[in-house]
N, C-alpha and C. Protein backbone atom coordinates (compact mmCIF):
# COMPACT_ATOMS: atom_id res chain seq x y z
N MET A 1 -60.77 -111.15 -3.57
CA MET A 1 -59.62 -111.66 -4.30
C MET A 1 -60.07 -112.10 -5.69
N ALA A 2 -59.37 -111.70 -6.69
CA ALA A 2 -59.69 -112.06 -8.07
C ALA A 2 -59.33 -113.51 -8.32
N GLY A 3 -60.12 -114.17 -9.16
CA GLY A 3 -59.86 -115.56 -9.48
C GLY A 3 -58.90 -115.70 -10.65
N ARG A 4 -58.56 -116.94 -10.91
CA ARG A 4 -57.66 -117.25 -12.03
C ARG A 4 -58.18 -118.42 -12.82
N LYS A 5 -57.81 -118.47 -14.07
CA LYS A 5 -58.14 -119.60 -14.94
C LYS A 5 -56.84 -120.24 -15.40
N ARG A 6 -56.89 -121.55 -15.54
CA ARG A 6 -55.75 -122.31 -16.03
C ARG A 6 -56.11 -122.95 -17.36
N HIS A 7 -55.26 -122.76 -18.34
CA HIS A 7 -55.42 -123.40 -19.64
C HIS A 7 -54.23 -124.32 -19.84
N LEU A 8 -54.49 -125.55 -20.28
CA LEU A 8 -53.43 -126.53 -20.47
C LEU A 8 -53.46 -127.07 -21.89
N LEU A 9 -52.28 -127.27 -22.45
CA LEU A 9 -52.11 -128.00 -23.69
C LEU A 9 -51.42 -129.29 -23.30
N VAL A 10 -52.13 -130.42 -23.47
CA VAL A 10 -51.59 -131.71 -23.05
C VAL A 10 -51.50 -132.63 -24.25
N ASP A 11 -50.65 -133.67 -24.11
CA ASP A 11 -50.57 -134.68 -25.16
C ASP A 11 -51.66 -135.72 -24.92
N THR A 12 -51.68 -136.79 -25.70
CA THR A 12 -52.75 -137.78 -25.59
C THR A 12 -52.67 -138.59 -24.30
N LEU A 13 -51.54 -138.56 -23.62
CA LEU A 13 -51.41 -139.22 -22.32
C LEU A 13 -51.82 -138.33 -21.16
N GLY A 14 -52.01 -137.04 -21.42
CA GLY A 14 -52.38 -136.10 -20.38
C GLY A 14 -51.19 -135.38 -19.77
N LEU A 15 -50.01 -135.52 -20.35
CA LEU A 15 -48.82 -134.83 -19.86
C LEU A 15 -48.77 -133.43 -20.45
N ILE A 16 -48.41 -132.46 -19.63
CA ILE A 16 -48.50 -131.06 -20.02
C ILE A 16 -47.41 -130.68 -21.02
N LEU A 17 -47.82 -130.03 -22.09
CA LEU A 17 -46.90 -129.41 -23.04
C LEU A 17 -46.75 -127.92 -22.72
N LEU A 18 -47.87 -127.26 -22.47
CA LEU A 18 -47.88 -125.84 -22.14
C LEU A 18 -48.96 -125.56 -21.10
N ALA A 19 -48.71 -124.57 -20.29
CA ALA A 19 -49.69 -124.12 -19.31
C ALA A 19 -49.74 -122.60 -19.34
N LYS A 20 -50.93 -122.06 -19.17
CA LYS A 20 -51.10 -120.61 -19.11
C LYS A 20 -52.11 -120.29 -18.03
N VAL A 21 -51.75 -119.37 -17.16
CA VAL A 21 -52.63 -118.92 -16.08
C VAL A 21 -52.89 -117.44 -16.30
N HIS A 22 -54.14 -117.03 -16.14
CA HIS A 22 -54.48 -115.62 -16.30
C HIS A 22 -55.67 -115.29 -15.41
N ALA A 23 -56.03 -114.04 -15.37
CA ALA A 23 -57.15 -113.59 -14.54
C ALA A 23 -58.45 -114.21 -15.01
N ALA A 24 -59.38 -114.39 -14.09
CA ALA A 24 -60.64 -115.05 -14.41
C ALA A 24 -61.57 -114.21 -15.27
N ASP A 25 -61.31 -112.91 -15.39
CA ASP A 25 -62.19 -112.07 -16.20
C ASP A 25 -61.88 -112.14 -17.69
N VAL A 26 -60.90 -112.93 -18.09
CA VAL A 26 -60.57 -113.12 -19.50
C VAL A 26 -61.41 -114.28 -20.04
N GLN A 27 -62.03 -114.07 -21.20
CA GLN A 27 -62.83 -115.12 -21.83
C GLN A 27 -61.97 -116.34 -22.14
N ASP A 28 -62.60 -117.51 -22.18
CA ASP A 28 -61.87 -118.75 -22.46
C ASP A 28 -61.20 -118.72 -23.83
N ARG A 29 -61.89 -118.19 -24.82
CA ARG A 29 -61.31 -118.14 -26.17
C ARG A 29 -60.08 -117.24 -26.21
N ASP A 30 -60.12 -116.13 -25.49
CA ASP A 30 -58.96 -115.23 -25.45
C ASP A 30 -57.82 -115.87 -24.67
N GLY A 31 -58.14 -116.60 -23.60
CA GLY A 31 -57.11 -117.31 -22.85
C GLY A 31 -56.47 -118.41 -23.68
N ALA A 32 -57.27 -119.06 -24.50
CA ALA A 32 -56.73 -120.09 -25.38
C ALA A 32 -55.80 -119.48 -26.42
N ARG A 33 -56.11 -118.29 -26.89
CA ARG A 33 -55.20 -117.62 -27.83
C ARG A 33 -53.85 -117.33 -27.18
N LEU A 34 -53.88 -116.93 -25.90
CA LEU A 34 -52.62 -116.71 -25.18
C LEU A 34 -51.80 -117.99 -25.11
N LEU A 35 -52.48 -119.10 -24.89
CA LEU A 35 -51.80 -120.39 -24.80
C LEU A 35 -51.31 -120.87 -26.16
N LEU A 36 -52.18 -120.80 -27.16
CA LEU A 36 -51.86 -121.37 -28.46
C LEU A 36 -50.99 -120.48 -29.33
N ALA A 37 -50.70 -119.27 -28.90
CA ALA A 37 -49.80 -118.41 -29.67
C ALA A 37 -48.42 -119.02 -29.79
N ALA A 38 -48.05 -119.88 -28.85
CA ALA A 38 -46.75 -120.55 -28.90
C ALA A 38 -46.67 -121.56 -30.04
N LEU A 39 -47.81 -121.95 -30.62
CA LEU A 39 -47.80 -122.90 -31.72
C LEU A 39 -47.16 -122.33 -32.98
N ALA A 40 -47.06 -121.02 -33.07
CA ALA A 40 -46.45 -120.40 -34.25
C ALA A 40 -44.97 -120.76 -34.36
N THR A 41 -44.33 -120.98 -33.22
CA THR A 41 -42.88 -121.24 -33.24
C THR A 41 -42.50 -122.58 -32.62
N ARG A 42 -43.41 -123.21 -31.89
CA ARG A 42 -43.10 -124.46 -31.19
C ARG A 42 -44.09 -125.56 -31.55
N PHE A 43 -43.75 -126.77 -31.22
CA PHE A 43 -44.61 -127.93 -31.40
C PHE A 43 -45.04 -128.11 -32.84
N GLY A 44 -44.09 -128.12 -33.74
CA GLY A 44 -44.37 -128.27 -35.16
C GLY A 44 -44.99 -129.60 -35.54
N TRP A 45 -44.89 -130.58 -34.67
CA TRP A 45 -45.42 -131.90 -34.95
C TRP A 45 -46.91 -132.02 -34.65
N LEU A 46 -47.50 -131.03 -33.98
CA LEU A 46 -48.93 -131.10 -33.67
C LEU A 46 -49.77 -130.86 -34.92
N ARG A 47 -50.72 -131.74 -35.16
CA ARG A 47 -51.61 -131.58 -36.31
C ARG A 47 -53.06 -131.37 -35.91
N CYS A 48 -53.49 -132.01 -34.81
CA CYS A 48 -54.89 -131.92 -34.39
C CYS A 48 -54.95 -131.58 -32.91
N LEU A 49 -55.75 -130.58 -32.58
CA LEU A 49 -55.99 -130.18 -31.20
C LEU A 49 -57.46 -130.38 -30.90
N TRP A 50 -57.76 -130.98 -29.75
CA TRP A 50 -59.14 -131.14 -29.33
C TRP A 50 -59.44 -130.14 -28.24
N ALA A 51 -60.63 -129.54 -28.28
CA ALA A 51 -61.01 -128.55 -27.29
C ALA A 51 -62.49 -128.71 -26.94
N ASP A 52 -62.86 -128.17 -25.80
CA ASP A 52 -64.23 -128.19 -25.33
C ASP A 52 -65.08 -127.23 -26.16
N GLY A 53 -66.37 -127.36 -26.05
CA GLY A 53 -67.29 -126.50 -26.80
C GLY A 53 -67.18 -125.03 -26.46
N GLY A 54 -66.64 -124.69 -25.30
CA GLY A 54 -66.47 -123.30 -24.92
C GLY A 54 -65.46 -122.56 -25.77
N TYR A 55 -64.67 -123.30 -26.51
CA TYR A 55 -63.64 -122.70 -27.36
C TYR A 55 -64.07 -122.61 -28.83
N ALA A 56 -65.32 -122.93 -29.13
CA ALA A 56 -65.80 -122.89 -30.51
C ALA A 56 -65.90 -121.44 -30.98
N GLY A 57 -66.01 -121.29 -32.28
CA GLY A 57 -66.17 -119.96 -32.85
C GLY A 57 -64.96 -119.55 -33.66
N ALA A 58 -64.56 -118.30 -33.51
CA ALA A 58 -63.47 -117.73 -34.31
C ALA A 58 -62.11 -118.34 -33.97
N LEU A 59 -62.00 -119.01 -32.83
CA LEU A 59 -60.73 -119.61 -32.45
C LEU A 59 -60.31 -120.71 -33.42
N VAL A 60 -61.28 -121.43 -33.97
CA VAL A 60 -60.99 -122.51 -34.92
C VAL A 60 -60.28 -121.95 -36.16
N ALA A 61 -60.81 -120.87 -36.71
CA ALA A 61 -60.19 -120.24 -37.88
C ALA A 61 -58.85 -119.60 -37.51
N TRP A 62 -58.75 -119.07 -36.31
CA TRP A 62 -57.50 -118.43 -35.87
C TRP A 62 -56.37 -119.46 -35.80
N VAL A 63 -56.65 -120.66 -35.28
CA VAL A 63 -55.64 -121.71 -35.21
C VAL A 63 -55.25 -122.15 -36.61
N ARG A 64 -56.21 -122.25 -37.51
CA ARG A 64 -55.93 -122.67 -38.88
C ARG A 64 -55.01 -121.67 -39.59
N GLN A 65 -55.22 -120.37 -39.39
CA GLN A 65 -54.38 -119.37 -40.05
C GLN A 65 -53.06 -119.17 -39.32
N LEU A 66 -52.97 -119.63 -38.07
CA LEU A 66 -51.74 -119.50 -37.30
C LEU A 66 -50.61 -120.31 -37.92
N ARG A 67 -50.95 -121.50 -38.40
CA ARG A 67 -49.97 -122.38 -39.04
C ARG A 67 -50.56 -122.95 -40.32
N PRO A 68 -50.68 -122.14 -41.36
CA PRO A 68 -51.39 -122.61 -42.56
C PRO A 68 -50.68 -123.73 -43.30
N ARG A 69 -49.35 -123.72 -43.33
CA ARG A 69 -48.63 -124.75 -44.09
C ARG A 69 -48.63 -126.11 -43.39
N ARG A 70 -48.65 -126.09 -42.09
CA ARG A 70 -48.55 -127.35 -41.34
C ARG A 70 -49.89 -128.06 -41.22
N GLY A 71 -50.96 -127.37 -41.48
CA GLY A 71 -52.29 -128.00 -41.44
C GLY A 71 -52.80 -128.30 -40.04
N THR A 72 -52.38 -127.53 -39.07
CA THR A 72 -52.88 -127.73 -37.71
C THR A 72 -54.33 -127.30 -37.63
N ARG A 73 -55.16 -128.15 -37.03
CA ARG A 73 -56.58 -127.83 -36.93
C ARG A 73 -57.05 -128.02 -35.49
N LEU A 74 -58.08 -127.27 -35.14
CA LEU A 74 -58.70 -127.33 -33.83
C LEU A 74 -60.06 -127.97 -33.99
N GLU A 75 -60.25 -129.13 -33.36
CA GLU A 75 -61.54 -129.82 -33.41
C GLU A 75 -62.26 -129.63 -32.09
N ILE A 76 -63.51 -129.25 -32.16
CA ILE A 76 -64.32 -129.02 -30.98
C ILE A 76 -65.08 -130.31 -30.65
N VAL A 77 -64.92 -130.78 -29.41
CA VAL A 77 -65.65 -131.96 -28.93
C VAL A 77 -66.99 -131.46 -28.40
N LYS A 78 -68.05 -131.85 -29.09
CA LYS A 78 -69.38 -131.33 -28.76
C LYS A 78 -70.15 -132.32 -27.90
N HIS A 79 -71.01 -131.76 -27.05
CA HIS A 79 -71.92 -132.57 -26.25
C HIS A 79 -73.05 -133.06 -27.14
N GLY A 80 -73.61 -134.20 -26.79
CA GLY A 80 -74.75 -134.72 -27.54
C GLY A 80 -75.98 -133.87 -27.31
N THR A 81 -76.98 -134.08 -28.13
CA THR A 81 -78.22 -133.31 -28.00
C THR A 81 -79.09 -133.83 -26.86
N LYS A 82 -79.01 -135.14 -26.58
CA LYS A 82 -79.80 -135.72 -25.48
C LYS A 82 -78.95 -135.72 -24.22
N LEU A 83 -79.48 -135.12 -23.18
CA LEU A 83 -78.76 -135.05 -21.91
C LEU A 83 -79.46 -135.89 -20.84
N ASP A 84 -80.08 -137.02 -21.24
CA ASP A 84 -80.82 -137.82 -20.27
C ASP A 84 -79.92 -138.76 -19.46
N HIS A 85 -78.68 -138.98 -19.90
CA HIS A 85 -77.77 -139.83 -19.15
C HIS A 85 -76.33 -139.36 -19.34
N PHE A 86 -75.48 -139.82 -18.44
CA PHE A 86 -74.06 -139.43 -18.50
C PHE A 86 -73.38 -140.11 -19.67
N LYS A 87 -72.55 -139.35 -20.38
CA LYS A 87 -71.81 -139.90 -21.51
C LYS A 87 -70.41 -139.33 -21.49
N ILE A 88 -69.43 -140.19 -21.60
CA ILE A 88 -68.04 -139.74 -21.65
C ILE A 88 -67.76 -139.20 -23.05
N LEU A 89 -67.27 -137.97 -23.11
CA LEU A 89 -66.96 -137.36 -24.40
C LEU A 89 -65.58 -137.80 -24.84
N PRO A 90 -65.39 -138.13 -26.10
CA PRO A 90 -64.08 -138.59 -26.57
C PRO A 90 -63.03 -137.49 -26.43
N ARG A 91 -61.90 -137.84 -25.88
CA ARG A 91 -60.73 -136.98 -25.69
C ARG A 91 -60.93 -135.86 -24.68
N ARG A 92 -62.13 -135.63 -24.21
CA ARG A 92 -62.37 -134.59 -23.22
C ARG A 92 -61.83 -135.00 -21.85
N TRP A 93 -61.86 -136.28 -21.55
CA TRP A 93 -61.45 -136.77 -20.24
C TRP A 93 -59.94 -136.66 -20.03
N VAL A 94 -59.16 -136.55 -21.10
CA VAL A 94 -57.69 -136.52 -20.96
C VAL A 94 -57.25 -135.28 -20.18
N VAL A 95 -57.73 -134.12 -20.56
CA VAL A 95 -57.33 -132.90 -19.86
C VAL A 95 -58.00 -132.82 -18.48
N GLU A 96 -59.19 -133.36 -18.34
CA GLU A 96 -59.84 -133.37 -17.03
C GLU A 96 -59.04 -134.23 -16.05
N ARG A 97 -58.50 -135.34 -16.54
CA ARG A 97 -57.67 -136.19 -15.69
C ARG A 97 -56.40 -135.45 -15.29
N THR A 98 -55.83 -134.66 -16.20
CA THR A 98 -54.64 -133.88 -15.88
C THR A 98 -54.93 -132.86 -14.79
N PHE A 99 -56.08 -132.18 -14.89
CA PHE A 99 -56.48 -131.24 -13.84
C PHE A 99 -56.65 -131.97 -12.50
N ALA A 100 -57.16 -133.20 -12.52
CA ALA A 100 -57.30 -133.98 -11.29
C ALA A 100 -55.93 -134.32 -10.71
N TRP A 101 -54.97 -134.68 -11.56
CA TRP A 101 -53.61 -134.96 -11.09
C TRP A 101 -53.02 -133.72 -10.44
N LEU A 102 -53.22 -132.57 -11.06
CA LEU A 102 -52.68 -131.33 -10.51
C LEU A 102 -53.37 -130.96 -9.20
N GLY A 103 -54.64 -131.28 -9.09
CA GLY A 103 -55.38 -130.98 -7.87
C GLY A 103 -54.89 -131.77 -6.66
N ARG A 104 -54.17 -132.86 -6.91
CA ARG A 104 -53.61 -133.65 -5.80
C ARG A 104 -52.38 -132.99 -5.20
N SER A 105 -51.83 -132.00 -5.90
CA SER A 105 -50.71 -131.24 -5.36
C SER A 105 -51.26 -130.18 -4.41
N ARG A 106 -50.73 -130.13 -3.21
CA ARG A 106 -51.27 -129.23 -2.20
C ARG A 106 -51.20 -127.77 -2.63
N ARG A 107 -50.11 -127.36 -3.27
CA ARG A 107 -49.97 -125.96 -3.68
C ARG A 107 -50.95 -125.57 -4.77
N LEU A 108 -51.47 -126.55 -5.51
CA LEU A 108 -52.39 -126.25 -6.61
C LEU A 108 -53.85 -126.51 -6.25
N SER A 109 -54.09 -127.05 -5.05
CA SER A 109 -55.47 -127.33 -4.67
C SER A 109 -56.26 -126.04 -4.47
N LYS A 110 -55.58 -125.00 -4.06
CA LYS A 110 -56.17 -123.66 -3.94
C LYS A 110 -55.19 -122.68 -4.60
N ASP A 111 -55.63 -121.47 -4.81
CA ASP A 111 -54.77 -120.48 -5.45
C ASP A 111 -53.99 -119.72 -4.38
N TYR A 112 -52.83 -120.25 -4.01
CA TYR A 112 -52.00 -119.64 -2.99
C TYR A 112 -51.02 -118.60 -3.55
N GLU A 113 -50.80 -118.61 -4.84
CA GLU A 113 -49.73 -117.81 -5.43
C GLU A 113 -50.18 -116.36 -5.63
N HIS A 114 -49.20 -115.46 -5.56
CA HIS A 114 -49.48 -114.03 -5.75
C HIS A 114 -49.39 -113.63 -7.22
N THR A 115 -48.54 -114.29 -7.98
CA THR A 115 -48.37 -113.93 -9.39
C THR A 115 -48.75 -115.11 -10.28
N VAL A 116 -49.12 -114.80 -11.51
CA VAL A 116 -49.47 -115.87 -12.44
C VAL A 116 -48.22 -116.64 -12.86
N CYS A 117 -47.07 -116.00 -12.87
CA CYS A 117 -45.83 -116.69 -13.23
C CYS A 117 -45.50 -117.79 -12.23
N SER A 118 -45.64 -117.50 -10.95
CA SER A 118 -45.36 -118.53 -9.95
C SER A 118 -46.42 -119.62 -9.99
N SER A 119 -47.66 -119.28 -10.32
CA SER A 119 -48.70 -120.29 -10.45
C SER A 119 -48.40 -121.24 -11.61
N GLU A 120 -47.95 -120.69 -12.75
CA GLU A 120 -47.55 -121.53 -13.88
C GLU A 120 -46.35 -122.40 -13.52
N ALA A 121 -45.41 -121.84 -12.79
CA ALA A 121 -44.21 -122.60 -12.39
C ALA A 121 -44.60 -123.78 -11.52
N PHE A 122 -45.54 -123.61 -10.60
CA PHE A 122 -45.95 -124.72 -9.75
C PHE A 122 -46.73 -125.77 -10.52
N ILE A 123 -47.41 -125.38 -11.59
CA ILE A 123 -48.06 -126.37 -12.46
C ILE A 123 -46.99 -127.25 -13.11
N TYR A 124 -45.95 -126.62 -13.64
CA TYR A 124 -44.87 -127.38 -14.26
C TYR A 124 -44.14 -128.25 -13.23
N LEU A 125 -43.92 -127.73 -12.03
CA LEU A 125 -43.25 -128.52 -11.00
C LEU A 125 -44.08 -129.73 -10.59
N ALA A 126 -45.39 -129.56 -10.47
CA ALA A 126 -46.25 -130.68 -10.12
C ALA A 126 -46.22 -131.75 -11.20
N MET A 127 -46.18 -131.34 -12.47
CA MET A 127 -46.13 -132.32 -13.55
C MET A 127 -44.77 -133.01 -13.60
N ILE A 128 -43.71 -132.27 -13.34
CA ILE A 128 -42.37 -132.89 -13.29
C ILE A 128 -42.33 -133.93 -12.18
N ARG A 129 -42.88 -133.59 -11.03
CA ARG A 129 -42.92 -134.53 -9.90
C ARG A 129 -43.70 -135.79 -10.28
N LEU A 130 -44.83 -135.61 -10.94
CA LEU A 130 -45.64 -136.75 -11.35
C LEU A 130 -44.88 -137.65 -12.32
N MET A 131 -44.21 -137.05 -13.29
CA MET A 131 -43.46 -137.84 -14.26
C MET A 131 -42.27 -138.55 -13.63
N LEU A 132 -41.58 -137.88 -12.70
CA LEU A 132 -40.45 -138.51 -12.02
C LEU A 132 -40.91 -139.69 -11.17
N ARG A 133 -42.05 -139.58 -10.52
CA ARG A 133 -42.56 -140.70 -9.73
C ARG A 133 -42.93 -141.87 -10.61
N ARG A 134 -43.36 -141.62 -11.81
CA ARG A 134 -43.68 -142.71 -12.73
C ARG A 134 -42.41 -143.41 -13.23
N LEU A 135 -41.33 -142.66 -13.37
CA LEU A 135 -40.07 -143.24 -13.82
C LEU A 135 -39.43 -144.13 -12.74
N ALA A 136 -39.62 -143.75 -11.49
CA ALA A 136 -38.97 -144.48 -10.39
C ALA A 136 -39.63 -145.80 -10.10
């Protein structure tokens, strides 16, 4: 069975703005392009995006040219040079916490879905459920 990768665009609280699911054989940078292509027409208020070091490279320039007038930039959160102890990376934990919240949903704990569309739909449903429980 082929694997899948999930890419999330979250706000500073960890709430999902966009989700994209694709086959695991797609590079992370290419998967991020699939996700961030929506920035051309949506989320005009976003100015700064933080990403892991796996997204470094040509993706930074691609995001900059995607919305040149709005000044949206992609900042890469880099690991330190010394790896002798654990260190929390700034802003990296926000999306990791969101993945942990999604992992608490039984349907998302494993890849049960047959299509990527239904997998994305269950990501949105799990986040809606989480937000509704916080409101109640």
